Amino acid sequence: MDWLNGFKDWLGDNAWASWLGVTGLLLIGEMFSLDLVLAMLAAGAGVGMLVALLGGPFWLQVILAAVTALAALGLLRPSIRKRLHSGPELTIGHDRLVGRQGTVLSQVSGLQPGLIKLAGEEWTAQPLDETIVIEAGAVVDVLEIRGATAIVHPVPQID
């Protein structure tokens, strides 16, 4: 059992090296998983290494490493994941026109589709409410695009 006592003595004198090795292994594992869990655990192991270098007792190294890892997992990881996995909302095609306003070029009604000027182009348009008539010159909101026809509703005029 002399080897076990020798190992304990070595570990006590070189705990920082053990923490450094654990940190390195966790970071290498993170490179393969890309889930940020192992990176947060590595941060905890890094704190354990710093405490060991400063001469802290082993129980303090373990406690601070665990607290750091848990804090990183609970506080840092969610916000980092959110930033990494979110991107700009890209609307392409006709969907980018929904919500924009256009100007009626020729009368739009439920009986007879008309024309509107929308994003610099002329579009066939029909009203959402088929009972209304929208006169030329009125401003309309584009609510939907069905094929090549814009479904519109007049913007209320504020006097």
N, C-alpha and C. Protein backbone atom coordinates (compact mmCIF):
# COMPACT_ATOMS: atom_id res chain seq x y z
N MET A 1 0.81 -1.20 0.00
CA MET A 1 0.00 0.00 0.00
C MET A 1 0.85 1.26 0.00
N ASP A 2 2.17 1.08 -0.09
CA ASP A 2 3.05 2.25 -0.15
C ASP A 2 2.80 3.06 -1.42
N TRP A 3 2.47 2.35 -2.51
CA TRP A 3 2.22 3.06 -3.76
C TRP A 3 1.00 3.96 -3.64
N LEU A 4 -0.02 3.51 -2.86
CA LEU A 4 -1.22 4.32 -2.69
C LEU A 4 -0.91 5.58 -1.89
N ASN A 5 -0.10 5.43 -0.84
CA ASN A 5 0.30 6.61 -0.07
C ASN A 5 1.17 7.54 -0.91
N GLY A 6 2.02 6.96 -1.74
CA GLY A 6 2.85 7.77 -2.63
C GLY A 6 2.00 8.52 -3.64
N PHE A 7 0.96 7.86 -4.16
CA PHE A 7 0.06 8.50 -5.11
C PHE A 7 -0.70 9.65 -4.44
N LYS A 8 -1.16 9.43 -3.21
CA LYS A 8 -1.86 10.48 -2.48
C LYS A 8 -0.95 11.68 -2.24
N ASP A 9 0.30 11.41 -1.91
CA ASP A 9 1.25 12.51 -1.69
C ASP A 9 1.50 13.27 -2.99
N TRP A 10 1.69 12.53 -4.07
CA TRP A 10 1.92 13.17 -5.37
C TRP A 10 0.70 13.99 -5.77
N LEU A 11 -0.49 13.42 -5.60
CA LEU A 11 -1.72 14.11 -5.96
C LEU A 11 -1.89 15.37 -5.12
N GLY A 12 -1.56 15.29 -3.85
CA GLY A 12 -1.64 16.46 -2.98
C GLY A 12 -0.69 17.56 -3.42
N ASP A 13 0.51 17.19 -3.85
CA ASP A 13 1.50 18.17 -4.29
C ASP A 13 1.24 18.68 -5.69
N ASN A 14 0.58 17.89 -6.51
CA ASN A 14 0.37 18.24 -7.92
C ASN A 14 -1.11 18.25 -8.30
N ALA A 15 -1.94 18.65 -7.39
CA ALA A 15 -3.38 18.67 -7.68
C ALA A 15 -3.69 19.59 -8.86
N TRP A 16 -2.93 20.69 -8.96
CA TRP A 16 -3.18 21.62 -10.07
C TRP A 16 -2.98 20.93 -11.42
N ALA A 17 -2.00 20.03 -11.49
CA ALA A 17 -1.74 19.32 -12.75
C ALA A 17 -2.88 18.37 -13.07
N SER A 18 -3.44 17.75 -12.03
CA SER A 18 -4.59 16.87 -12.25
C SER A 18 -5.78 17.67 -12.75
N TRP A 19 -6.03 18.83 -12.12
CA TRP A 19 -7.13 19.68 -12.58
C TRP A 19 -6.90 20.15 -14.01
N LEU A 20 -5.65 20.48 -14.33
CA LEU A 20 -5.32 20.92 -15.69
C LEU A 20 -5.58 19.79 -16.69
N GLY A 21 -5.20 18.57 -16.32
CA GLY A 21 -5.47 17.43 -17.20
C GLY A 21 -6.95 17.19 -17.41
N VAL A 22 -7.72 17.30 -16.33
CA VAL A 22 -9.18 17.13 -16.45
C VAL A 22 -9.76 18.22 -17.33
N THR A 23 -9.27 19.46 -17.14
CA THR A 23 -9.75 20.58 -17.96
C THR A 23 -9.46 20.31 -19.43
N GLY A 24 -8.26 19.88 -19.73
CA GLY A 24 -7.89 19.60 -21.12
C GLY A 24 -8.72 18.49 -21.73
N LEU A 25 -8.93 17.42 -20.99
CA LEU A 25 -9.75 16.30 -21.51
C LEU A 25 -11.19 16.74 -21.76
N LEU A 26 -11.72 17.55 -20.85
CA LEU A 26 -13.09 18.02 -21.03
C LEU A 26 -13.20 18.94 -22.25
N LEU A 27 -12.22 19.79 -22.45
CA LEU A 27 -12.25 20.68 -23.62
C LEU A 27 -12.10 19.90 -24.92
N ILE A 28 -11.28 18.87 -24.90
CA ILE A 28 -11.16 18.01 -26.10
C ILE A 28 -12.50 17.32 -26.36
N GLY A 29 -13.12 16.82 -25.31
CA GLY A 29 -14.43 16.20 -25.47
C GLY A 29 -15.47 17.18 -25.99
N GLU A 30 -15.37 18.44 -25.55
CA GLU A 30 -16.31 19.46 -26.01
C GLU A 30 -16.18 19.70 -27.51
N MET A 31 -14.97 19.59 -28.01
CA MET A 31 -14.76 19.78 -29.44
C MET A 31 -15.52 18.74 -30.26
N PHE A 32 -15.76 17.58 -29.69
CA PHE A 32 -16.50 16.55 -30.40
C PHE A 32 -18.00 16.65 -30.16
N SER A 33 -18.41 17.08 -28.97
CA SER A 33 -19.84 17.11 -28.65
C SER A 33 -20.51 18.41 -29.08
N LEU A 34 -19.81 19.53 -28.95
CA LEU A 34 -20.33 20.86 -29.29
C LEU A 34 -21.66 21.16 -28.60
N ASP A 35 -21.80 20.68 -27.38
CA ASP A 35 -23.05 20.88 -26.65
C ASP A 35 -22.89 21.86 -25.50
N LEU A 36 -21.69 22.33 -25.26
CA LEU A 36 -21.34 23.30 -24.21
C LEU A 36 -21.43 22.75 -22.79
N VAL A 37 -21.79 21.49 -22.61
CA VAL A 37 -21.83 20.92 -21.27
C VAL A 37 -20.41 20.67 -20.78
N LEU A 38 -19.61 20.02 -21.59
CA LEU A 38 -18.25 19.71 -21.18
C LEU A 38 -17.41 20.97 -21.02
N ALA A 39 -17.70 22.01 -21.80
CA ALA A 39 -16.97 23.27 -21.64
C ALA A 39 -17.28 23.91 -20.29
N MET A 40 -18.52 23.80 -19.85
CA MET A 40 -18.89 24.36 -18.54
C MET A 40 -18.23 23.56 -17.41
N LEU A 41 -18.16 22.24 -17.59
CA LEU A 41 -17.46 21.41 -16.60
C LEU A 41 -15.97 21.73 -16.60
N ALA A 42 -15.42 22.02 -17.77
CA ALA A 42 -14.01 22.39 -17.86
C ALA A 42 -13.75 23.72 -17.14
N ALA A 43 -14.70 24.62 -17.21
CA ALA A 43 -14.56 25.89 -16.48
C ALA A 43 -14.47 25.61 -14.98
N GLY A 44 -15.29 24.70 -14.50
CA GLY A 44 -15.22 24.32 -13.09
C GLY A 44 -13.88 23.70 -12.75
N ALA A 45 -13.38 22.83 -13.61
CA ALA A 45 -12.08 22.21 -13.37
C ALA A 45 -10.97 23.25 -13.39
N GLY A 46 -11.12 24.26 -14.23
CA GLY A 46 -10.14 25.35 -14.26
C GLY A 46 -10.11 26.12 -12.95
N VAL A 47 -11.28 26.34 -12.37
CA VAL A 47 -11.33 27.00 -11.06
C VAL A 47 -10.68 26.10 -10.01
N GLY A 48 -10.94 24.80 -10.07
CA GLY A 48 -10.28 23.87 -9.16
C GLY A 48 -8.77 23.96 -9.27
N MET A 49 -8.27 24.10 -10.50
CA MET A 49 -6.84 24.22 -10.72
C MET A 49 -6.29 25.50 -10.09
N LEU A 50 -7.03 26.61 -10.26
CA LEU A 50 -6.57 27.88 -9.66
C LEU A 50 -6.52 27.80 -8.14
N VAL A 51 -7.54 27.18 -7.56
CA VAL A 51 -7.54 27.04 -6.10
C VAL A 51 -6.38 26.17 -5.65
N ALA A 52 -6.06 25.12 -6.41
CA ALA A 52 -4.93 24.25 -6.08
C ALA A 52 -3.62 25.02 -6.19
N LEU A 53 -3.48 25.86 -7.23
CA LEU A 53 -2.26 26.65 -7.38
C LEU A 53 -2.09 27.65 -6.25
N LEU A 54 -3.21 28.15 -5.73
CA LEU A 54 -3.16 29.10 -4.61
C LEU A 54 -2.97 28.41 -3.27
N GLY A 55 -2.93 27.08 -3.29
CA GLY A 55 -2.67 26.32 -2.06
C GLY A 55 -3.90 25.97 -1.26
N GLY A 56 -5.07 26.04 -1.86
CA GLY A 56 -6.30 25.69 -1.15
C GLY A 56 -6.39 24.20 -0.89
N PRO A 57 -7.08 23.82 0.17
CA PRO A 57 -7.24 22.39 0.46
C PRO A 57 -8.08 21.70 -0.61
N PHE A 58 -7.93 20.39 -0.69
CA PHE A 58 -8.60 19.62 -1.74
C PHE A 58 -10.12 19.77 -1.65
N TRP A 59 -10.68 19.75 -0.43
CA TRP A 59 -12.14 19.87 -0.31
C TRP A 59 -12.62 21.21 -0.86
N LEU A 60 -11.85 22.30 -0.70
CA LEU A 60 -12.23 23.60 -1.25
C LEU A 60 -12.12 23.59 -2.77
N GLN A 61 -11.11 22.91 -3.29
CA GLN A 61 -10.96 22.79 -4.74
C GLN A 61 -12.18 22.13 -5.36
N VAL A 62 -12.61 21.03 -4.75
CA VAL A 62 -13.76 20.28 -5.27
C VAL A 62 -15.03 21.10 -5.17
N ILE A 63 -15.25 21.75 -4.04
CA ILE A 63 -16.48 22.52 -3.85
C ILE A 63 -16.55 23.69 -4.83
N LEU A 64 -15.45 24.44 -4.95
CA LEU A 64 -15.46 25.59 -5.87
C LEU A 64 -15.56 25.14 -7.33
N ALA A 65 -14.94 24.02 -7.66
CA ALA A 65 -15.05 23.50 -9.02
C ALA A 65 -16.50 23.11 -9.31
N ALA A 66 -17.15 22.45 -8.36
CA ALA A 66 -18.55 22.03 -8.57
C ALA A 66 -19.47 23.24 -8.65
N VAL A 67 -19.28 24.21 -7.77
CA VAL A 67 -20.13 25.40 -7.78
C VAL A 67 -19.96 26.16 -9.10
N THR A 68 -18.72 26.30 -9.55
CA THR A 68 -18.46 26.99 -10.81
C THR A 68 -19.10 26.25 -11.99
N ALA A 69 -18.94 24.95 -12.03
CA ALA A 69 -19.51 24.16 -13.13
C ALA A 69 -21.03 24.26 -13.14
N LEU A 70 -21.64 24.14 -11.96
CA LEU A 70 -23.10 24.23 -11.90
C LEU A 70 -23.59 25.62 -12.26
N ALA A 71 -22.89 26.65 -11.80
CA ALA A 71 -23.28 28.02 -12.15
C ALA A 71 -23.14 28.25 -13.65
N ALA A 72 -22.06 27.76 -14.24
CA ALA A 72 -21.87 27.91 -15.68
C ALA A 72 -22.95 27.17 -16.46
N LEU A 73 -23.28 25.96 -16.00
CA LEU A 73 -24.34 25.19 -16.69
C LEU A 73 -25.68 25.88 -16.57
N GLY A 74 -25.98 26.44 -15.41
CA GLY A 74 -27.30 27.04 -15.19
C GLY A 74 -27.43 28.46 -15.68
N LEU A 75 -26.34 29.23 -15.63
CA LEU A 75 -26.44 30.64 -15.97
C LEU A 75 -25.84 30.99 -17.33
N LEU A 76 -24.67 30.50 -17.63
CA LEU A 76 -24.01 30.85 -18.88
C LEU A 76 -24.49 30.06 -20.09
N ARG A 77 -24.60 28.76 -19.93
CA ARG A 77 -24.89 27.89 -21.06
C ARG A 77 -26.19 28.25 -21.78
N PRO A 78 -27.31 28.53 -21.05
CA PRO A 78 -28.54 28.86 -21.78
C PRO A 78 -28.41 30.11 -22.66
N SER A 79 -27.78 31.15 -22.14
CA SER A 79 -27.66 32.37 -22.95
C SER A 79 -26.69 32.18 -24.11
N ILE A 80 -25.62 31.42 -23.90
CA ILE A 80 -24.68 31.18 -24.99
C ILE A 80 -25.34 30.34 -26.08
N ARG A 81 -26.07 29.30 -25.67
CA ARG A 81 -26.78 28.46 -26.66
C ARG A 81 -27.79 29.28 -27.45
N LYS A 82 -28.48 30.17 -26.76
CA LYS A 82 -29.48 31.00 -27.44
C LYS A 82 -28.82 31.87 -28.50
N ARG A 83 -27.68 32.46 -28.14
CA ARG A 83 -26.98 33.30 -29.11
C ARG A 83 -26.42 32.50 -30.27
N LEU A 84 -25.92 31.32 -29.99
CA LEU A 84 -25.34 30.51 -31.06
C LEU A 84 -26.39 29.93 -32.00
N HIS A 85 -27.56 29.63 -31.48
CA HIS A 85 -28.58 28.97 -32.29
C HIS A 85 -29.61 29.92 -32.88
N SER A 86 -29.53 31.19 -32.55
CA SER A 86 -30.47 32.13 -33.14
C SER A 86 -29.77 32.89 -34.25
N GLY A 87 -30.54 33.33 -35.17
CA GLY A 87 -30.00 34.10 -36.28
C GLY A 87 -31.06 35.07 -36.74
N PRO A 88 -30.76 35.81 -37.75
CA PRO A 88 -31.76 36.76 -38.24
C PRO A 88 -32.95 36.04 -38.84
N GLU A 89 -34.10 36.62 -38.68
CA GLU A 89 -35.30 36.08 -39.30
C GLU A 89 -35.25 36.43 -40.79
N LEU A 90 -35.16 35.43 -41.60
CA LEU A 90 -35.10 35.67 -43.03
C LEU A 90 -36.45 35.35 -43.66
N THR A 91 -37.05 36.37 -44.23
CA THR A 91 -38.28 36.15 -44.96
C THR A 91 -37.95 36.35 -46.43
N ILE A 92 -38.27 35.34 -47.20
CA ILE A 92 -37.93 35.40 -48.61
C ILE A 92 -39.18 35.19 -49.44
N GLY A 93 -39.07 35.51 -50.69
CA GLY A 93 -40.20 35.33 -51.60
C GLY A 93 -41.34 36.26 -51.26
N HIS A 94 -42.53 35.76 -51.45
CA HIS A 94 -43.72 36.57 -51.25
C HIS A 94 -43.99 36.88 -49.78
N ASP A 95 -43.47 36.05 -48.88
CA ASP A 95 -43.70 36.29 -47.46
C ASP A 95 -43.14 37.63 -46.99
N ARG A 96 -42.14 38.14 -47.68
CA ARG A 96 -41.57 39.41 -47.26
C ARG A 96 -42.51 40.58 -47.53
N LEU A 97 -43.52 40.36 -48.35
CA LEU A 97 -44.48 41.43 -48.67
C LEU A 97 -45.64 41.50 -47.68
N VAL A 98 -45.89 40.42 -46.97
CA VAL A 98 -47.00 40.41 -46.01
C VAL A 98 -46.67 41.38 -44.89
N GLY A 99 -47.64 42.25 -44.57
CA GLY A 99 -47.47 43.25 -43.54
C GLY A 99 -47.06 44.61 -44.09
N ARG A 100 -46.72 44.67 -45.35
CA ARG A 100 -46.35 45.95 -45.96
C ARG A 100 -47.60 46.66 -46.46
N GLN A 101 -47.43 47.91 -46.83
CA GLN A 101 -48.56 48.69 -47.36
C GLN A 101 -48.36 48.95 -48.85
N GLY A 102 -49.47 49.02 -49.53
CA GLY A 102 -49.45 49.32 -50.95
C GLY A 102 -50.49 50.38 -51.27
N THR A 103 -50.44 50.87 -52.49
CA THR A 103 -51.39 51.89 -52.94
C THR A 103 -52.24 51.30 -54.06
N VAL A 104 -53.55 51.51 -53.96
CA VAL A 104 -54.48 50.97 -54.95
C VAL A 104 -54.35 51.77 -56.24
N LEU A 105 -54.13 51.08 -57.37
CA LEU A 105 -54.03 51.72 -58.68
C LEU A 105 -55.36 51.68 -59.42
N SER A 106 -56.08 50.57 -59.27
CA SER A 106 -57.42 50.47 -59.86
C SER A 106 -58.32 49.79 -58.83
N GLN A 107 -59.57 50.18 -58.84
CA GLN A 107 -60.54 49.74 -57.82
C GLN A 107 -60.44 48.24 -57.52
N VAL A 108 -60.47 47.94 -56.22
CA VAL A 108 -60.38 46.55 -55.76
C VAL A 108 -61.69 46.21 -55.08
N SER A 109 -62.32 45.11 -55.53
CA SER A 109 -63.55 44.66 -54.87
C SER A 109 -63.59 43.14 -54.90
N GLY A 110 -64.56 42.60 -54.17
CA GLY A 110 -64.72 41.16 -54.13
C GLY A 110 -65.16 40.61 -55.47
N LEU A 111 -65.87 41.40 -56.26
CA LEU A 111 -66.35 40.97 -57.57
C LEU A 111 -65.29 41.11 -58.65
N GLN A 112 -64.45 42.14 -58.52
CA GLN A 112 -63.47 42.42 -59.56
C GLN A 112 -62.11 42.72 -58.91
N PRO A 113 -61.13 41.84 -59.09
CA PRO A 113 -59.80 42.15 -58.56
C PRO A 113 -59.26 43.42 -59.20
N GLY A 114 -58.46 44.13 -58.45
CA GLY A 114 -57.85 45.36 -58.97
C GLY A 114 -56.35 45.26 -58.91
N LEU A 115 -55.69 46.40 -59.06
CA LEU A 115 -54.24 46.46 -59.04
C LEU A 115 -53.77 47.34 -57.90
N ILE A 116 -52.66 46.94 -57.30
CA ILE A 116 -52.03 47.78 -56.29
C ILE A 116 -50.55 47.91 -56.62
N LYS A 117 -49.95 48.98 -56.13
CA LYS A 117 -48.50 49.16 -56.25
C LYS A 117 -47.92 48.71 -54.92
N LEU A 118 -47.08 47.68 -54.96
CA LEU A 118 -46.52 47.08 -53.75
C LEU A 118 -45.04 46.82 -53.97
N ALA A 119 -44.20 47.43 -53.15
CA ALA A 119 -42.75 47.27 -53.23
C ALA A 119 -42.23 47.56 -54.63
N GLY A 120 -42.80 48.59 -55.26
CA GLY A 120 -42.34 49.00 -56.58
C GLY A 120 -42.88 48.17 -57.73
N GLU A 121 -43.76 47.22 -57.44
CA GLU A 121 -44.32 46.37 -58.48
C GLU A 121 -45.84 46.44 -58.46
N GLU A 122 -46.44 46.13 -59.60
CA GLU A 122 -47.90 46.06 -59.67
C GLU A 122 -48.34 44.63 -59.34
N TRP A 123 -49.34 44.54 -58.45
CA TRP A 123 -49.87 43.25 -58.03
C TRP A 123 -51.37 43.24 -58.20
N THR A 124 -51.90 42.10 -58.59
CA THR A 124 -53.35 41.90 -58.56
C THR A 124 -53.75 41.80 -57.10
N ALA A 125 -54.89 42.41 -56.76
CA ALA A 125 -55.29 42.43 -55.36
C ALA A 125 -56.78 42.16 -55.22
N GLN A 126 -57.14 41.52 -54.12
CA GLN A 126 -58.53 41.31 -53.74
C GLN A 126 -58.66 41.68 -52.27
N PRO A 127 -59.84 42.19 -51.88
CA PRO A 127 -60.01 42.54 -50.47
C PRO A 127 -60.25 41.28 -49.63
N LEU A 128 -59.84 41.36 -48.38
CA LEU A 128 -60.10 40.26 -47.45
C LEU A 128 -61.61 40.12 -47.24
N ASP A 129 -62.27 41.25 -47.04
CA ASP A 129 -63.73 41.29 -46.89
C ASP A 129 -64.31 41.53 -48.28
N GLU A 130 -64.95 40.52 -48.85
CA GLU A 130 -65.44 40.60 -50.23
C GLU A 130 -66.58 41.57 -50.42
N THR A 131 -67.12 42.11 -49.33
CA THR A 131 -68.25 43.04 -49.45
C THR A 131 -67.79 44.49 -49.58
N ILE A 132 -66.51 44.77 -49.43
CA ILE A 132 -66.07 46.16 -49.51
C ILE A 132 -65.45 46.46 -50.87
N VAL A 133 -65.45 47.75 -51.18
CA VAL A 133 -64.83 48.25 -52.41
C VAL A 133 -63.76 49.25 -51.98
N ILE A 134 -62.56 49.07 -52.51
CA ILE A 134 -61.45 49.96 -52.18
C ILE A 134 -61.13 50.76 -53.44
N GLU A 135 -61.25 52.08 -53.32
CA GLU A 135 -61.06 52.96 -54.47
C GLU A 135 -59.59 53.21 -54.76
N ALA A 136 -59.32 53.63 -55.99
CA ALA A 136 -57.95 53.95 -56.41
C ALA A 136 -57.39 55.07 -55.53
N GLY A 137 -56.13 54.99 -55.22
CA GLY A 137 -55.47 55.99 -54.38
C GLY A 137 -55.46 55.64 -52.90
N ALA A 138 -56.29 54.66 -52.49
CA ALA A 138 -56.33 54.28 -51.08
C ALA A 138 -55.07 53.48 -50.71
N VAL A 139 -54.71 53.58 -49.46
CA VAL A 139 -53.57 52.79 -48.94
C VAL A 139 -54.13 51.53 -48.30
N VAL A 140 -53.49 50.39 -48.60
CA VAL A 140 -53.97 49.11 -48.08
C VAL A 140 -52.83 48.37 -47.38
N ASP A 141 -53.22 47.54 -46.42
CA ASP A 141 -52.29 46.62 -45.78
C ASP A 141 -52.36 45.29 -46.51
N VAL A 142 -51.22 44.69 -46.76
CA VAL A 142 -51.18 43.37 -47.38
C VAL A 142 -51.23 42.33 -46.25
N LEU A 143 -52.29 41.54 -46.24
CA LEU A 143 -52.50 40.56 -45.19
C LEU A 143 -52.02 39.17 -45.56
N GLU A 144 -52.00 38.90 -46.86
CA GLU A 144 -51.65 37.55 -47.32
C GLU A 144 -51.34 37.61 -48.80
N ILE A 145 -50.55 36.66 -49.26
CA ILE A 145 -50.30 36.50 -50.69
C ILE A 145 -50.79 35.11 -51.07
N ARG A 146 -51.73 35.06 -51.99
CA ARG A 146 -52.25 33.78 -52.51
C ARG A 146 -51.88 33.70 -53.98
N GLY A 147 -50.88 32.89 -54.25
CA GLY A 147 -50.41 32.79 -55.63
C GLY A 147 -49.79 34.11 -56.05
N ALA A 148 -50.41 34.76 -57.05
CA ALA A 148 -49.92 36.06 -57.51
C ALA A 148 -50.89 37.17 -57.14
N THR A 149 -51.75 36.92 -56.15
CA THR A 149 -52.76 37.90 -55.74
C THR A 149 -52.53 38.29 -54.28
N ALA A 150 -52.51 39.60 -54.06
CA ALA A 150 -52.36 40.12 -52.71
C ALA A 150 -53.75 40.26 -52.09
N ILE A 151 -53.91 39.75 -50.88
CA ILE A 151 -55.15 39.91 -50.13
C ILE A 151 -54.94 41.12 -49.24
N VAL A 152 -55.81 42.13 -49.41
CA VAL A 152 -55.56 43.43 -48.77
C VAL A 152 -56.76 43.88 -47.94
N HIS A 153 -56.48 44.86 -47.10
CA HIS A 153 -57.53 45.52 -46.30
C HIS A 153 -57.15 47.00 -46.24
N PRO A 154 -58.15 47.89 -46.40
CA PRO A 154 -57.81 49.32 -46.41
C PRO A 154 -57.30 49.79 -45.05
N VAL A 155 -56.34 50.71 -45.09
CA VAL A 155 -55.82 51.35 -43.89
C VAL A 155 -56.80 52.45 -43.51
N PRO A 156 -57.27 52.47 -42.25
CA PRO A 156 -58.20 53.53 -41.84
C PRO A 156 -57.55 54.90 -41.98
N GLN A 157 -58.32 55.86 -42.50
CA GLN A 157 -57.84 57.23 -42.68
C GLN A 157 -58.03 57.99 -41.37
N ILE A 158 -56.97 58.61 -40.88
CA ILE A 158 -57.04 59.39 -39.65
C ILE A 158 -57.17 60.86 -40.03
N ASP A 159 -58.22 61.48 -39.55
CA ASP A 159 -58.45 62.91 -39.88
C ASP A 159 -58.08 63.80 -38.73
